[in-house]
Structures are given as structure tokens and as C-alpha cells.
Amino acid sequence: MRILLIEDDTVLGAAVRDQIAGDGQSVDWVTRLDAAGDALGATSYDLILLDLMLPDGRGIGFLKRLRARGDVTPVIILTALDQVSDRIEGLNAGADDYLVKPFDLAELSARIGSVARRYSGNPNPIVSHGPLEIDLAARSIHRDGRPVQLTAREWALFEAFLSRPGQLLSKAQLEEKLYAFETEVESNTIEVHVSRLRKKLGSAVIETERGMGYRLGRP
């Protein structure tokens, strides 16, 4: 997944960013709502982590405007506001989850996984695909009962296919999943990683539509 983190606390923001990256997700971190608006205008995100008290405004207003224009990107609120009325306001504004600071980073990872599974239509964290058994929560894969190790980039790409079964994904869409990782995305990066995924998971796991893109293969 590609995640937008909107958080002005530099210590917490760095910790959350590192946790997300360690989970194999890509993350863009901004500290202001205006920068968040610019990021959303330029990039398609799978999830937003939203602080409520920011230097240039309240996150609730930002969320309401997001939903008013029809943006259904999942949003998890991260805030120190812990009153029941605050939670109700956040959820009524369109948030998918609400996490009160201070929180455990492992719990944040679990909440992110839970929201992502709901939106991908896989509420069960265990998914079977042919000879593959995929644990979305643990981010682990077994092929014919044997564990398969994926790099963070390989997992990010494979997760993109899993979340959109049967849908054709263009090279540009797949590259977006990798831009927030440290290393540069080269012109042949997608081809290289698709080749590696086929070697590890099976040659039919990803289908190619020549000149158009890739899709998850049939089980």
C-alpha cells in the first residue's frame, strides 16, 4: 500500500513512518494540511493517517471536505483527543478508525491491515490463491506449505495485485506503490520485480497484457 501520513509531531511522525516502512508499505509524510492536499492531488493513496490538530487547521474539516467531494480513501485518525464526543465526531465525519495517542506501533500496524482488508474485500487475513497461502496480517506467504520470503518492494507489488483481483494494473500504477521507498524507481523496475515474483510464487501468479499492464493470475 501507499500511505499518506499527516502528522506535525516530528518524533511521532518519524516513528510511524519507520513502522510503516518496516511493514513493507510505502509512506509519504507531510506536516500540514495544505501539503496533504497537494499530495492527494498528485498521487493516489490507499490509506490516510490523519492527525486532528495541525498547524494550519483541524483534521476534521479536512476529512469532511475530502468526503464531500466523493473521495473514499480509507482514513485512520491519530489524535490525543480522547473524549467519546471526539471519537463520535471523527467517525461521523467519515473516518474508518480512530486511534488515541499514545498508541502502540504494533497496534497501528494491525489497524492499518484491518482497514485495508475491509476495503479490498478480504476481511479474513488468511487468503488462498492456488498453491499460495497468504497471511495478510503477518505479511507472510507459504507456497505448497513452504515459506516464501519477499522483499518489501516485492510485497508492495504483490499486495497491489491481491487487493484488486482480476483488475489490470498499468506500469505507472504499480510504480506509484514503490516511489516512497528509499531507492530510485528505474524504468525496468516493475519488469524486474514481476519476474522475481513469478520465480518465487509461480510463473502464472501474474499475467501480462502486452502494452497495457499486469493482473493477478487465476488460482
C-alpha atoms as a PDB file:
ATOM      1  CA  MET A   1       0.000   0.000   0.000  1.00  0.00           C
ATOM      2  CA  ARG A   2       0.951   3.625  -0.416  1.00  0.00           C
ATOM      3  CA  ILE A   3       0.043   5.610   2.685  1.00  0.00           C
ATOM      4  CA  LEU A   4      -0.175   9.354   3.329  1.00  0.00           C
ATOM      5  CA  LEU A   5       0.794  10.306   6.884  1.00  0.00           C
ATOM      6  CA  ILE A   6      -0.390  13.761   8.039  1.00  0.00           C
ATOM      7  CA  GLU A   7       1.315  14.437  11.381  1.00  0.00           C
ATOM      8  CA  ASP A   8       3.157  17.536  12.656  1.00  0.00           C
ATOM      9  CA  ASP A   9       4.845  15.896  15.664  1.00  0.00           C
ATOM     10  CA  THR A  10       8.285  15.113  14.237  1.00  0.00           C
ATOM     11  CA  VAL A  11       9.162  12.435  16.815  1.00  0.00           C
ATOM     12  CA  LEU A  12       5.883  10.551  16.435  1.00  0.00           C
ATOM     13  CA  GLY A  13       5.825  11.108  12.686  1.00  0.00           C
ATOM     14  CA  ALA A  14       9.292   9.598  12.277  1.00  0.00           C
ATOM     15  CA  ALA A  15       8.325   6.608  14.437  1.00  0.00           C
ATOM     16  CA  VAL A  16       5.126   5.975  12.466  1.00  0.00           C
ATOM     17  CA  ARG A  17       6.935   6.406   9.146  1.00  0.00           C
ATOM     18  CA  ASP A  18       9.604   3.898  10.154  1.00  0.00           C
ATOM     19  CA  GLN A  19       6.982   1.434  11.412  1.00  0.00           C
ATOM     20  CA  ILE A  20       5.054   1.592   8.140  1.00  0.00           C
ATOM     21  CA  ALA A  21       8.220   1.235   6.066  1.00  0.00           C
ATOM     22  CA  GLY A  22       9.295  -1.693   8.243  1.00  0.00           C
ATOM     23  CA  ASP A  23       5.960  -3.357   7.469  1.00  0.00           C
ATOM     24  CA  GLY A  24       6.826  -3.152   3.770  1.00  0.00           C
ATOM     25  CA  GLN A  25       4.465  -0.282   2.948  1.00  0.00           C
ATOM     26  CA  SER A  26       5.432   2.939   1.172  1.00  0.00           C
ATOM     27  CA  VAL A  27       4.686   6.186   3.010  1.00  0.00           C
ATOM     28  CA  ASP A  28       4.700   9.915   2.253  1.00  0.00           C
ATOM     29  CA  TRP A  29       4.825  12.129   5.348  1.00  0.00           C
ATOM     30  CA  VAL A  30       3.583  15.716   5.471  1.00  0.00           C
ATOM     31  CA  THR A  31       3.157  18.032   8.470  1.00  0.00           C
ATOM     32  CA  ARG A  32       0.483  20.434   7.166  1.00  0.00           C
ATOM     33  CA  LEU A  33      -2.959  20.170   5.619  1.00  0.00           C
ATOM     34  CA  ASP A  34      -2.039  22.280   2.606  1.00  0.00           C
ATOM     35  CA  ALA A  35       0.830  19.889   1.828  1.00  0.00           C
ATOM     36  CA  ALA A  36      -1.574  16.959   2.292  1.00  0.00           C
ATOM     37  CA  GLY A  37      -3.944  18.496  -0.244  1.00  0.00           C
ATOM     38  CA  ASP A  38      -1.102  18.878  -2.732  1.00  0.00           C
ATOM     39  CA  ALA A  39      -0.028  15.262  -2.174  1.00  0.00           C
ATOM     40  CA  LEU A  40      -3.556  13.945  -2.724  1.00  0.00           C
ATOM     41  CA  GLY A  41      -3.841  15.995  -5.902  1.00  0.00           C
ATOM     42  CA  ALA A  42      -0.698  14.421  -7.312  1.00  0.00           C
ATOM     43  CA  THR A  43      -0.840  10.828  -6.048  1.00  0.00           C
ATOM     44  CA  SER A  44      -3.357   8.050  -5.492  1.00  0.00           C
ATOM     45  CA  TYR A  45      -3.154   6.731  -1.918  1.00  0.00           C
ATOM     46  CA  ASP A  46      -4.531   3.527  -0.437  1.00  0.00           C
ATOM     47  CA  LEU A  47      -4.831   4.919   3.105  1.00  0.00           C
ATOM     48  CA  ILE A  48      -4.523   8.211   5.017  1.00  0.00           C
ATOM     49  CA  LEU A  49      -3.304   8.558   8.614  1.00  0.00           C
ATOM     50  CA  LEU A  50      -4.663  11.879   9.859  1.00  0.00           C
ATOM     51  CA  ASP A  51      -3.768  13.925  12.935  1.00  0.00           C
ATOM     52  CA  LEU A  52      -6.577  16.246  14.064  1.00  0.00           C
ATOM     53  CA  MET A  53      -4.592  19.210  15.390  1.00  0.00           C
ATOM     54  CA  LEU A  54      -2.292  20.615  12.705  1.00  0.00           C
ATOM     55  CA  PRO A  55      -0.517  23.977  12.299  1.00  0.00           C
ATOM     56  CA  ASP A  56      -2.826  25.159   9.514  1.00  0.00           C
ATOM     57  CA  GLY A  57      -6.149  23.766  10.689  1.00  0.00           C
ATOM     58  CA  ARG A  58      -8.168  20.891  12.110  1.00  0.00           C
ATOM     59  CA  GLY A  59      -8.091  17.475  10.552  1.00  0.00           C
ATOM     60  CA  ILE A  60     -11.863  17.068  10.961  1.00  0.00           C
ATOM     61  CA  GLY A  61     -12.550  19.869   8.498  1.00  0.00           C
ATOM     62  CA  PHE A  62     -10.033  18.368   6.071  1.00  0.00           C
ATOM     63  CA  LEU A  63     -11.738  14.958   6.346  1.00  0.00           C
ATOM     64  CA  LYS A  64     -15.200  16.435   5.817  1.00  0.00           C
ATOM     65  CA  ARG A  65     -14.036  18.227   2.670  1.00  0.00           C
ATOM     66  CA  LEU A  66     -12.444  15.010   1.451  1.00  0.00           C
ATOM     67  CA  ARG A  67     -15.677  13.071   1.835  1.00  0.00           C
ATOM     68  CA  ALA A  68     -17.811  15.906   0.449  1.00  0.00           C
ATOM     69  CA  ARG A  69     -16.008  15.713  -2.874  1.00  0.00           C
ATOM     70  CA  GLY A  70     -16.532  11.955  -3.040  1.00  0.00           C
ATOM     71  CA  ASP A  71     -13.064  10.778  -2.003  1.00  0.00           C
ATOM     72  CA  VAL A  72     -13.470   7.380  -0.335  1.00  0.00           C
ATOM     73  CA  THR A  73      -9.799   6.784   0.542  1.00  0.00           C
ATOM     74  CA  PRO A  74      -9.722   4.992   3.935  1.00  0.00           C
ATOM     75  CA  VAL A  75      -8.771   7.300   6.821  1.00  0.00           C
ATOM     76  CA  ILE A  76      -7.474   6.401  10.275  1.00  0.00           C
ATOM     77  CA  ILE A  77      -7.439   9.314  12.733  1.00  0.00           C
ATOM     78  CA  LEU A  78      -4.397   9.568  15.038  1.00  0.00           C
ATOM     79  CA  THR A  79      -5.023  12.056  17.854  1.00  0.00           C
ATOM     80  CA  ALA A  80      -4.582  12.930  21.513  1.00  0.00           C
ATOM     81  CA  LEU A  81      -8.280  13.891  21.710  1.00  0.00           C
ATOM     82  CA  ASP A  82      -9.688  11.011  23.719  1.00  0.00           C
ATOM     83  CA  GLN A  83     -13.213  12.047  24.634  1.00  0.00           C
ATOM     84  CA  VAL A  84     -16.101   9.923  23.387  1.00  0.00           C
ATOM     85  CA  SER A  85     -17.540  13.012  21.703  1.00  0.00           C
ATOM     86  CA  ASP A  86     -14.290  13.456  19.766  1.00  0.00           C
ATOM     87  CA  ARG A  87     -14.417   9.859  18.544  1.00  0.00           C
ATOM     88  CA  ILE A  88     -18.034  10.211  17.501  1.00  0.00           C
ATOM     89  CA  GLU A  89     -17.241  13.428  15.614  1.00  0.00           C
ATOM     90  CA  GLY A  90     -14.339  11.770  13.798  1.00  0.00           C
ATOM     91  CA  LEU A  91     -16.289   8.677  12.803  1.00  0.00           C
ATOM     92  CA  ASN A  92     -19.309  10.724  11.745  1.00  0.00           C
ATOM     93  CA  ALA A  93     -17.026  12.884   9.594  1.00  0.00           C
ATOM     94  CA  GLY A  94     -16.053   9.781   7.626  1.00  0.00           C
ATOM     95  CA  ALA A  95     -13.099   8.207   9.439  1.00  0.00           C
ATOM     96  CA  ASP A  96     -12.734   4.428   9.212  1.00  0.00           C
ATOM     97  CA  ASP A  97     -10.909   4.072  12.526  1.00  0.00           C
ATOM     98  CA  TYR A  98      -9.766   6.231  15.444  1.00  0.00           C
ATOM     99  CA  LEU A  99      -6.561   5.667  17.399  1.00  0.00           C
ATOM    100  CA  VAL A 100      -5.778   7.694  20.534  1.00  0.00           C
ATOM    101  CA  LYS A 101      -2.219   8.845  21.307  1.00  0.00           C
ATOM    102  CA  PRO A 102      -0.063   7.495  22.775  1.00  0.00           C
ATOM    103  CA  PHE A 103      -0.572   4.203  20.959  1.00  0.00           C
ATOM    104  CA  ASP A 104       1.480   1.081  20.390  1.00  0.00           C
ATOM    105  CA  LEU A 105       3.044   0.975  16.924  1.00  0.00           C
ATOM    106  CA  ALA A 106       2.199  -2.718  16.574  1.00  0.00           C
ATOM    107  CA  GLU A 107      -1.465  -1.842  17.173  1.00  0.00           C
ATOM    108  CA  LEU A 108      -1.238   0.806  14.458  1.00  0.00           C
ATOM    109  CA  SER A 109       0.078  -1.825  12.036  1.00  0.00           C
ATOM    110  CA  ALA A 110      -2.836  -4.097  12.948  1.00  0.00           C
ATOM    111  CA  ARG A 111      -5.372  -1.286  12.456  1.00  0.00           C
ATOM    112  CA  ILE A 112      -3.874  -0.426   9.061  1.00  0.00           C
ATOM    113  CA  GLY A 113      -4.088  -4.070   7.993  1.00  0.00           C
ATOM    114  CA  SER A 114      -7.675  -4.382   9.210  1.00  0.00           C
ATOM    115  CA  VAL A 115      -8.883  -1.299   7.337  1.00  0.00           C
ATOM    116  CA  ALA A 116      -7.000  -2.320   4.189  1.00  0.00           C
ATOM    117  CA  ARG A 117      -8.559  -5.798   4.239  1.00  0.00           C
ATOM    118  CA  ARG A 118     -12.053  -4.376   4.600  1.00  0.00           C
ATOM    119  CA  TYR A 119     -11.585  -2.189   1.544  1.00  0.00           C
ATOM    120  CA  SER A 120     -10.026  -4.960  -0.548  1.00  0.00           C
ATOM    121  CA  GLY A 121     -12.929  -7.285   0.221  1.00  0.00           C
ATOM    122  CA  ASN A 122     -10.759  -9.677   2.242  1.00  0.00           C
ATOM    123  CA  PRO A 123     -11.826  -9.254   5.889  1.00  0.00           C
ATOM    124  CA  ASN A 124     -10.169 -12.596   6.638  1.00  0.00           C
ATOM    125  CA  PRO A 125      -6.394 -12.107   6.990  1.00  0.00           C
ATOM    126  CA  ILE A 126      -5.728 -15.584   5.530  1.00  0.00           C
ATOM    127  CA  VAL A 127      -6.126 -15.705   1.746  1.00  0.00           C
ATOM    128  CA  SER A 128      -5.616 -18.736  -0.506  1.00  0.00           C
ATOM    129  CA  HIS A 129      -4.592 -18.341  -4.121  1.00  0.00           C
ATOM    130  CA  GLY A 130      -3.810 -21.602  -5.882  1.00  0.00           C
ATOM    131  CA  PRO A 131      -0.827 -23.189  -4.087  1.00  0.00           C
ATOM    132  CA  LEU A 132      -0.274 -19.981  -2.091  1.00  0.00           C
ATOM    133  CA  GLU A 133      -1.489 -19.317   1.429  1.00  0.00           C
ATOM    134  CA  ILE A 134      -1.121 -15.637   2.261  1.00  0.00           C
ATOM    135  CA  ASP A 135      -1.382 -14.178   5.753  1.00  0.00           C
ATOM    136  CA  LEU A 136      -2.167 -10.508   5.144  1.00  0.00           C
ATOM    137  CA  ALA A 137      -1.803  -9.590   8.821  1.00  0.00           C
ATOM    138  CA  ALA A 138       1.569 -11.282   9.311  1.00  0.00           C
ATOM    139  CA  ARG A 139       2.645 -10.421   5.748  1.00  0.00           C
ATOM    140  CA  SER A 140       3.802 -13.963   5.144  1.00  0.00           C
ATOM    141  CA  ILE A 141       3.370 -16.407   2.266  1.00  0.00           C
ATOM    142  CA  HIS A 142       3.585 -20.189   2.030  1.00  0.00           C
ATOM    143  CA  ARG A 143       3.776 -21.982  -1.319  1.00  0.00           C
ATOM    144  CA  ASP A 144       2.793 -25.639  -1.133  1.00  0.00           C
ATOM    145  CA  GLY A 145       3.320 -25.401   2.621  1.00  0.00           C
ATOM    146  CA  ARG A 146       6.805 -23.913   2.421  1.00  0.00           C
ATOM    147  CA  PRO A 147       7.548 -20.301   3.428  1.00  0.00           C
ATOM    148  CA  VAL A 148       8.464 -17.797   0.739  1.00  0.00           C
ATOM    149  CA  GLN A 149      10.420 -14.658   1.597  1.00  0.00           C
ATOM    150  CA  LEU A 150       9.534 -11.453  -0.247  1.00  0.00           C
ATOM    151  CA  THR A 151      11.372  -8.149  -0.089  1.00  0.00           C
ATOM    152  CA  ALA A 152       9.433  -5.050   0.961  1.00  0.00           C
ATOM    153  CA  ARG A 153       9.129  -3.932  -2.655  1.00  0.00           C
ATOM    154  CA  GLU A 154       8.011  -7.370  -3.846  1.00  0.00           C
ATOM    155  CA  TRP A 155       5.368  -7.497  -1.119  1.00  0.00           C
ATOM    156  CA  ALA A 156       4.125  -3.981  -2.004  1.00  0.00           C
ATOM    157  CA  LEU A 157       3.598  -5.050  -5.613  1.00  0.00           C
ATOM    158  CA  PHE A 158       2.043  -8.410  -4.800  1.00  0.00           C
ATOM    159  CA  GLU A 159      -0.307  -6.774  -2.299  1.00  0.00           C
ATOM    160  CA  ALA A 160      -1.436  -4.377  -5.030  1.00  0.00           C
ATOM    161  CA  PHE A 161      -2.465  -7.353  -7.174  1.00  0.00           C
ATOM    162  CA  LEU A 162      -4.162  -9.126  -4.259  1.00  0.00           C
ATOM    163  CA  SER A 163      -6.230  -6.058  -3.395  1.00  0.00           C
ATOM    164  CA  ARG A 164      -7.522  -5.799  -6.981  1.00  0.00           C
ATOM    165  CA  PRO A 165      -8.067  -9.373  -8.207  1.00  0.00           C
ATOM    166  CA  GLY A 166      -8.821  -9.538 -11.906  1.00  0.00           C
ATOM    167  CA  GLN A 167      -8.105  -5.843 -12.425  1.00  0.00           C
ATOM    168  CA  LEU A 168      -5.481  -4.746 -14.930  1.00  0.00           C
ATOM    169  CA  LEU A 169      -2.827  -2.554 -13.308  1.00  0.00           C
ATOM    170  CA  SER A 170      -0.677  -0.330 -15.506  1.00  0.00           C
ATOM    171  CA  LYS A 171       3.062   0.016 -15.072  1.00  0.00           C
ATOM    172  CA  ALA A 172       2.522   3.586 -13.833  1.00  0.00           C
ATOM    173  CA  GLN A 173       0.043   2.412 -11.179  1.00  0.00           C
ATOM    174  CA  LEU A 174       2.498  -0.187  -9.931  1.00  0.00           C
ATOM    175  CA  GLU A 175       5.388   2.286  -9.905  1.00  0.00           C
ATOM    176  CA  GLU A 176       3.346   4.511  -7.585  1.00  0.00           C
ATOM    177  CA  LYS A 177       3.466   1.736  -4.983  1.00  0.00           C
ATOM    178  CA  LEU A 178       7.271   1.975  -4.916  1.00  0.00           C
ATOM    179  CA  TYR A 179       8.037   5.708  -5.100  1.00  0.00           C
ATOM    180  CA  ALA A 180       8.217   6.240  -1.338  1.00  0.00           C
ATOM    181  CA  PHE A 181      10.891   3.575  -0.862  1.00  0.00           C
ATOM    182  CA  GLU A 182      14.434   4.828  -0.489  1.00  0.00           C
ATOM    183  CA  THR A 183      15.912   3.660  -3.800  1.00  0.00           C
ATOM    184  CA  GLU A 184      15.039   5.162  -7.177  1.00  0.00           C
ATOM    185  CA  VAL A 185      12.420   3.544  -9.396  1.00  0.00           C
ATOM    186  CA  GLU A 186      14.208   2.672 -12.648  1.00  0.00           C
ATOM    187  CA  SER A 187      12.469   2.264 -15.998  1.00  0.00           C
ATOM    188  CA  ASN A 188      12.627  -1.546 -15.787  1.00  0.00           C
ATOM    189  CA  THR A 189      11.911  -1.862 -12.048  1.00  0.00           C
ATOM    190  CA  ILE A 190       8.396  -3.291 -12.477  1.00  0.00           C
ATOM    191  CA  GLU A 191       9.521  -5.885 -15.027  1.00  0.00           C
ATOM    192  CA  VAL A 192      12.362  -6.984 -12.732  1.00  0.00           C
ATOM    193  CA  HIS A 193      10.132  -7.352  -9.678  1.00  0.00           C
ATOM    194  CA  VAL A 194       7.351  -9.120 -11.590  1.00  0.00           C
ATOM    195  CA  SER A 195       9.958 -11.597 -12.841  1.00  0.00           C
ATOM    196  CA  ARG A 196      11.167 -12.201  -9.288  1.00  0.00           C
ATOM    197  CA  LEU A 197       7.618 -12.696  -8.012  1.00  0.00           C
ATOM    198  CA  ARG A 198       6.982 -15.293 -10.718  1.00  0.00           C
ATOM    199  CA  LYS A 199      10.157 -17.177  -9.773  1.00  0.00           C
ATOM    200  CA  LYS A 200       9.202 -17.208  -6.082  1.00  0.00           C
ATOM    201  CA  LEU A 201       5.434 -17.702  -6.323  1.00  0.00           C
ATOM    202  CA  GLY A 202       4.907 -19.458  -9.648  1.00  0.00           C
ATOM    203  CA  SER A 203       5.078 -18.426 -13.285  1.00  0.00           C
ATOM    204  CA  ALA A 204       1.299 -17.986 -13.575  1.00  0.00           C
ATOM    205  CA  VAL A 205       0.858 -15.814 -10.493  1.00  0.00           C
ATOM    206  CA  ILE A 206       0.961 -12.595 -12.554  1.00  0.00           C
ATOM    207  CA  GLU A 207      -0.387 -12.303 -16.087  1.00  0.00           C
ATOM    208  CA  THR A 208       0.926  -9.797 -18.644  1.00  0.00           C
ATOM    209  CA  GLU A 209      -1.321  -7.849 -21.020  1.00  0.00           C
ATOM    210  CA  ARG A 210       1.276  -6.708 -23.529  1.00  0.00           C
ATOM    211  CA  GLY A 211       1.473  -2.935 -23.797  1.00  0.00           C
ATOM    212  CA  MET A 212      -1.226  -2.467 -21.139  1.00  0.00           C
ATOM    213  CA  GLY A 213      -0.095  -3.832 -17.782  1.00  0.00           C
ATOM    214  CA  TYR A 214      -0.374  -6.773 -15.423  1.00  0.00           C
ATOM    215  CA  ARG A 215      -3.036  -8.578 -13.409  1.00  0.00           C
ATOM    216  CA  LEU A 216      -3.203 -11.304 -10.782  1.00  0.00           C
ATOM    217  CA  GLY A 217      -3.280 -14.712 -12.453  1.00  0.00           C
ATOM    218  CA  ARG A 218      -6.118 -17.168 -11.924  1.00  0.00           C
ATOM    219  CA  PRO A 219      -5.651 -19.577  -8.990  1.00  0.00           C
END
